Amino acid sequence: MNADTPRPSLLILDDEEIVLTSLRNLFRLQTEYEVIVHSSAQQALESARMRPIDLVISDYLMPDMDGITFLGHFKEIQPQTIRVLLTGYADKENAIRAINQVGLYQYIEKPWENAALLIVVKNGLEKRQLLRTLEEKIAELAKVNTDLKSLQTALIKAFL
């Protein structure tokens, strides 16, 4: 990562303080990511309205809002953010629902293995960077196309 590239940002939502502390410490010790943690879905959504997030990890079972609902709201605010669901309740039906409803990138069961979680997040952030690059290239192509159309119109007018 060079000085011109901002640090990737992670937002982690879990209602258990021990999980938040564990994940925050894991990412702060093992990576250079900017880590934002919340124990409230509403606070996490407010945070998402204030700043861009590259990857979000949400617990599935929480008292104020389940993880799938939260990730759905998050997707409305930041559709390009990579979404990961963390749960202690291994349930394929909910995983499939999350994949279909919120475009889930990955489903991770508690207790997680740190090395595996780090790889999932690294790969998710690489996907996010590739999507960002693709968006930039599409915008560049659209501008070039607009410029070519303007040039074409000017040439036609010049010859008429």
C-alpha atoms as a PDB file:
ATOM      1  CA  MET A   1       0.000   0.000   0.000  1.00  0.00           C
ATOM      2  CA  ASN A   2       1.516   3.335  -0.993  1.00  0.00           C
ATOM      3  CA  ALA A   3       1.050   6.726   0.618  1.00  0.00           C
ATOM      4  CA  ASP A   4      -1.498   7.791  -2.019  1.00  0.00           C
ATOM      5  CA  THR A   5      -3.799   4.835  -1.387  1.00  0.00           C
ATOM      6  CA  PRO A   6      -6.188   5.217   1.550  1.00  0.00           C
ATOM      7  CA  ARG A   7      -6.277   2.384   4.043  1.00  0.00           C
ATOM      8  CA  PRO A   8      -9.127  -0.061   3.385  1.00  0.00           C
ATOM      9  CA  SER A   9     -11.973   0.463   5.842  1.00  0.00           C
ATOM     10  CA  LEU A  10     -13.816  -2.272   7.717  1.00  0.00           C
ATOM     11  CA  LEU A  11     -17.009  -1.805   9.657  1.00  0.00           C
ATOM     12  CA  ILE A  12     -17.798  -4.551  12.156  1.00  0.00           C
ATOM     13  CA  LEU A  13     -21.214  -4.919  13.788  1.00  0.00           C
ATOM     14  CA  ASP A  14     -21.832  -7.326  16.660  1.00  0.00           C
ATOM     15  CA  ASP A  15     -23.863  -6.969  19.840  1.00  0.00           C
ATOM     16  CA  GLU A  16     -21.240  -8.875  21.871  1.00  0.00           C
ATOM     17  CA  GLU A  17     -18.448  -6.631  23.134  1.00  0.00           C
ATOM     18  CA  ILE A  18     -16.003  -9.542  23.392  1.00  0.00           C
ATOM     19  CA  VAL A  19     -16.470 -10.308  19.680  1.00  0.00           C
ATOM     20  CA  LEU A  20     -15.950  -6.649  18.748  1.00  0.00           C
ATOM     21  CA  THR A  21     -12.804  -6.436  20.871  1.00  0.00           C
ATOM     22  CA  SER A  22     -11.448  -9.680  19.459  1.00  0.00           C
ATOM     23  CA  LEU A  23     -12.047  -8.678  15.834  1.00  0.00           C
ATOM     24  CA  ARG A  24     -10.813  -5.113  16.315  1.00  0.00           C
ATOM     25  CA  ASN A  25      -7.584  -6.395  17.881  1.00  0.00           C
ATOM     26  CA  LEU A  26      -7.116  -9.063  15.192  1.00  0.00           C
ATOM     27  CA  PHE A  27      -7.372  -6.552  12.350  1.00  0.00           C
ATOM     28  CA  ARG A  28      -5.353  -3.847  14.101  1.00  0.00           C
ATOM     29  CA  LEU A  29      -2.514  -6.260  14.911  1.00  0.00           C
ATOM     30  CA  GLN A  30      -2.482  -8.200  11.623  1.00  0.00           C
ATOM     31  CA  THR A  31      -3.429  -5.568   9.031  1.00  0.00           C
ATOM     32  CA  GLU A  32      -3.270  -1.888   8.214  1.00  0.00           C
ATOM     33  CA  TYR A  33      -7.044  -1.623   7.757  1.00  0.00           C
ATOM     34  CA  GLU A  34      -9.053   1.157   9.319  1.00  0.00           C
ATOM     35  CA  VAL A  35     -11.388  -0.660  11.728  1.00  0.00           C
ATOM     36  CA  ILE A  36     -14.719   0.797  12.863  1.00  0.00           C
ATOM     37  CA  VAL A  37     -16.811  -1.204  15.341  1.00  0.00           C
ATOM     38  CA  HIS A  38     -20.415  -0.849  16.453  1.00  0.00           C
ATOM     39  CA  SER A  39     -22.659  -2.806  18.775  1.00  0.00           C
ATOM     40  CA  SER A  40     -25.825  -1.131  17.440  1.00  0.00           C
ATOM     41  CA  ALA A  41     -27.162  -1.619  13.916  1.00  0.00           C
ATOM     42  CA  GLN A  42     -28.615   1.904  13.871  1.00  0.00           C
ATOM     43  CA  GLN A  43     -25.262   3.443  14.841  1.00  0.00           C
ATOM     44  CA  ALA A  44     -23.504   1.347  12.190  1.00  0.00           C
ATOM     45  CA  LEU A  45     -25.962   2.551   9.526  1.00  0.00           C
ATOM     46  CA  GLU A  46     -25.412   6.165  10.619  1.00  0.00           C
ATOM     47  CA  SER A  47     -21.678   5.590  10.315  1.00  0.00           C
ATOM     48  CA  ALA A  48     -22.230   4.239   6.781  1.00  0.00           C
ATOM     49  CA  ARG A  49     -24.072   7.436   5.861  1.00  0.00           C
ATOM     50  CA  MET A  50     -21.073   9.507   7.011  1.00  0.00           C
ATOM     51  CA  ARG A  51     -18.118   7.703   5.423  1.00  0.00           C
ATOM     52  CA  PRO A  52     -17.304   5.162   2.727  1.00  0.00           C
ATOM     53  CA  ILE A  53     -16.757   1.589   3.917  1.00  0.00           C
ATOM     54  CA  ASP A  54     -14.953  -1.029   1.828  1.00  0.00           C
ATOM     55  CA  LEU A  55     -16.108  -4.149   3.699  1.00  0.00           C
ATOM     56  CA  VAL A  56     -18.726  -4.730   6.388  1.00  0.00           C
ATOM     57  CA  ILE A  57     -18.909  -7.714   8.740  1.00  0.00           C
ATOM     58  CA  SER A  58     -22.189  -8.188  10.572  1.00  0.00           C
ATOM     59  CA  ASP A  59     -23.299 -10.670  13.177  1.00  0.00           C
ATOM     60  CA  TYR A  60     -26.475 -12.501  12.211  1.00  0.00           C
ATOM     61  CA  LEU A  61     -28.373 -12.679  15.509  1.00  0.00           C
ATOM     62  CA  MET A  62     -28.680  -9.328  17.310  1.00  0.00           C
ATOM     63  CA  PRO A  63     -31.428  -7.866  19.501  1.00  0.00           C
ATOM     64  CA  ASP A  64     -32.308  -4.734  17.489  1.00  0.00           C
ATOM     65  CA  MET A  65     -31.998  -6.043  13.912  1.00  0.00           C
ATOM     66  CA  ASP A  66     -30.824  -9.307  12.358  1.00  0.00           C
ATOM     67  CA  GLY A  67     -27.703  -9.276  10.206  1.00  0.00           C
ATOM     68  CA  ILE A  68     -29.490  -9.898   6.914  1.00  0.00           C
ATOM     69  CA  THR A  69     -31.826  -6.939   7.475  1.00  0.00           C
ATOM     70  CA  PHE A  70     -28.876  -4.780   8.522  1.00  0.00           C
ATOM     71  CA  LEU A  71     -26.840  -5.764   5.450  1.00  0.00           C
ATOM     72  CA  GLY A  72     -29.858  -5.011   3.254  1.00  0.00           C
ATOM     73  CA  HIS A  73     -30.077  -1.483   4.680  1.00  0.00           C
ATOM     74  CA  PHE A  74     -26.315  -1.120   4.383  1.00  0.00           C
ATOM     75  CA  LYS A  75     -26.489  -2.150   0.720  1.00  0.00           C
ATOM     76  CA  GLU A  76     -29.021   0.631   0.082  1.00  0.00           C
ATOM     77  CA  ILE A  77     -26.573   3.177   1.532  1.00  0.00           C
ATOM     78  CA  GLN A  78     -23.372   1.761   0.019  1.00  0.00           C
ATOM     79  CA  PRO A  79     -24.196  -0.776  -2.699  1.00  0.00           C
ATOM     80  CA  GLN A  80     -20.564  -1.493  -3.627  1.00  0.00           C
ATOM     81  CA  THR A  81     -19.421  -2.403  -0.106  1.00  0.00           C
ATOM     82  CA  ILE A  82     -18.427  -6.057   0.300  1.00  0.00           C
ATOM     83  CA  ARG A  83     -20.802  -7.744   2.773  1.00  0.00           C
ATOM     84  CA  VAL A  84     -19.872 -10.590   5.159  1.00  0.00           C
ATOM     85  CA  LEU A  85     -22.231 -12.322   7.610  1.00  0.00           C
ATOM     86  CA  LEU A  86     -20.845 -13.756  10.855  1.00  0.00           C
ATOM     87  CA  THR A  87     -22.981 -16.158  12.828  1.00  0.00           C
ATOM     88  CA  GLY A  88     -22.899 -18.698  15.596  1.00  0.00           C
ATOM     89  CA  TYR A  89     -26.048 -20.291  14.264  1.00  0.00           C
ATOM     90  CA  ALA A  90     -25.012 -22.377  11.261  1.00  0.00           C
ATOM     91  CA  ASP A  91     -28.105 -22.341   9.112  1.00  0.00           C
ATOM     92  CA  LYS A  92     -27.872 -22.924   5.363  1.00  0.00           C
ATOM     93  CA  GLU A  93     -31.336 -21.510   4.772  1.00  0.00           C
ATOM     94  CA  ASN A  94     -30.363 -18.125   6.225  1.00  0.00           C
ATOM     95  CA  ALA A  95     -27.060 -18.176   4.337  1.00  0.00           C
ATOM     96  CA  ILE A  96     -28.884 -18.755   1.045  1.00  0.00           C
ATOM     97  CA  ARG A  97     -31.408 -16.045   1.922  1.00  0.00           C
ATOM     98  CA  ALA A  98     -28.571 -13.620   2.705  1.00  0.00           C
ATOM     99  CA  ILE A  99     -26.738 -14.418  -0.523  1.00  0.00           C
ATOM    100  CA  ASN A 100     -29.902 -13.845  -2.546  1.00  0.00           C
ATOM    101  CA  GLN A 101     -31.255 -10.809  -0.686  1.00  0.00           C
ATOM    102  CA  VAL A 102     -28.175  -8.749   0.077  1.00  0.00           C
ATOM    103  CA  GLY A 103     -25.517 -10.018  -2.307  1.00  0.00           C
ATOM    104  CA  LEU A 104     -23.533 -11.589   0.491  1.00  0.00           C
ATOM    105  CA  TYR A 105     -19.846 -12.089  -0.314  1.00  0.00           C
ATOM    106  CA  GLN A 106     -19.155 -14.638   2.421  1.00  0.00           C
ATOM    107  CA  TYR A 107     -20.856 -16.438   5.310  1.00  0.00           C
ATOM    108  CA  ILE A 108     -18.562 -17.201   8.279  1.00  0.00           C
ATOM    109  CA  GLU A 109     -19.469 -19.338  11.265  1.00  0.00           C
ATOM    110  CA  LYS A 110     -18.546 -18.583  14.872  1.00  0.00           C
ATOM    111  CA  PRO A 111     -16.143 -19.503  16.249  1.00  0.00           C
ATOM    112  CA  TRP A 112     -14.061 -18.377  13.304  1.00  0.00           C
ATOM    113  CA  GLU A 113     -10.448 -19.172  12.553  1.00  0.00           C
ATOM    114  CA  ASN A 114      -8.408 -15.952  12.491  1.00  0.00           C
ATOM    115  CA  ALA A 115      -6.284 -16.987   9.495  1.00  0.00           C
ATOM    116  CA  ALA A 116      -9.356 -17.925   7.446  1.00  0.00           C
ATOM    117  CA  LEU A 117     -11.163 -14.700   8.388  1.00  0.00           C
ATOM    118  CA  LEU A 118      -8.122 -12.620   7.438  1.00  0.00           C
ATOM    119  CA  ILE A 119      -8.039 -14.326   4.029  1.00  0.00           C
ATOM    120  CA  VAL A 120     -11.768 -13.760   3.453  1.00  0.00           C
ATOM    121  CA  VAL A 121     -11.402 -10.071   4.294  1.00  0.00           C
ATOM    122  CA  LYS A 122      -8.243  -9.675   2.182  1.00  0.00           C
ATOM    123  CA  ASN A 123      -9.951 -11.319  -0.799  1.00  0.00           C
ATOM    124  CA  GLY A 124     -13.104  -9.261  -0.278  1.00  0.00           C
ATOM    125  CA  LEU A 125     -11.081  -6.047  -0.211  1.00  0.00           C
ATOM    126  CA  GLU A 126      -9.242  -7.091  -3.372  1.00  0.00           C
ATOM    127  CA  LYS A 127     -12.623  -7.649  -5.040  1.00  0.00           C
ATOM    128  CA  ARG A 128     -13.742  -4.196  -3.861  1.00  0.00           C
ATOM    129  CA  GLN A 129     -10.603  -2.614  -5.338  1.00  0.00           C
ATOM    130  CA  LEU A 130     -11.145  -4.426  -8.640  1.00  0.00           C
ATOM    131  CA  LEU A 131     -14.749  -3.184  -8.736  1.00  0.00           C
ATOM    132  CA  ARG A 132     -13.569   0.360  -7.985  1.00  0.00           C
ATOM    133  CA  THR A 133     -11.014   0.158 -10.819  1.00  0.00           C
ATOM    134  CA  LEU A 134     -13.678  -1.203 -13.173  1.00  0.00           C
ATOM    135  CA  GLU A 135     -16.039   1.667 -12.257  1.00  0.00           C
ATOM    136  CA  GLU A 136     -13.259   4.177 -12.974  1.00  0.00           C
ATOM    137  CA  LYS A 137     -12.489   2.588 -16.370  1.00  0.00           C
ATOM    138  CA  ILE A 138     -16.170   2.571 -17.325  1.00  0.00           C
ATOM    139  CA  ALA A 139     -16.408   6.265 -16.423  1.00  0.00           C
ATOM    140  CA  GLU A 140     -13.288   6.995 -18.504  1.00  0.00           C
ATOM    141  CA  LEU A 141     -14.758   5.105 -21.470  1.00  0.00           C
ATOM    142  CA  ALA A 142     -18.049   6.979 -21.155  1.00  0.00           C
ATOM    143  CA  LYS A 143     -16.171  10.297 -21.236  1.00  0.00           C
ATOM    144  CA  VAL A 144     -14.111   9.237 -24.272  1.00  0.00           C
ATOM    145  CA  ASN A 145     -17.311   8.118 -25.998  1.00  0.00           C
ATOM    146  CA  THR A 146     -18.946  11.486 -25.276  1.00  0.00           C
ATOM    147  CA  ASP A 147     -15.851  13.293 -26.570  1.00  0.00           C
ATOM    148  CA  LEU A 148     -15.869  11.191 -29.759  1.00  0.00           C
ATOM    149  CA  LYS A 149     -19.547  11.939 -30.358  1.00  0.00           C
ATOM    150  CA  SER A 150     -18.852  15.655 -29.936  1.00  0.00           C
ATOM    151  CA  LEU A 151     -15.941  15.425 -32.352  1.00  0.00           C
ATOM    152  CA  GLN A 152     -18.087  13.481 -34.830  1.00  0.00           C
ATOM    153  CA  THR A 153     -20.828  16.130 -34.630  1.00  0.00           C
ATOM    154  CA  ALA A 154     -18.281  18.906 -35.124  1.00  0.00           C
ATOM    155  CA  LEU A 155     -16.791  17.152 -38.176  1.00  0.00           C
ATOM    156  CA  ILE A 156     -20.209  16.629 -39.728  1.00  0.00           C
ATOM    157  CA  LYS A 157     -21.059  20.310 -39.204  1.00  0.00           C
ATOM    158  CA  ALA A 158     -17.717  21.331 -40.703  1.00  0.00           C
ATOM    159  CA  PHE A 159     -18.404  19.419 -43.906  1.00  0.00           C
ATOM    160  CA  LEU A 160     -22.024  20.544 -44.358  1.00  0.00           C
END
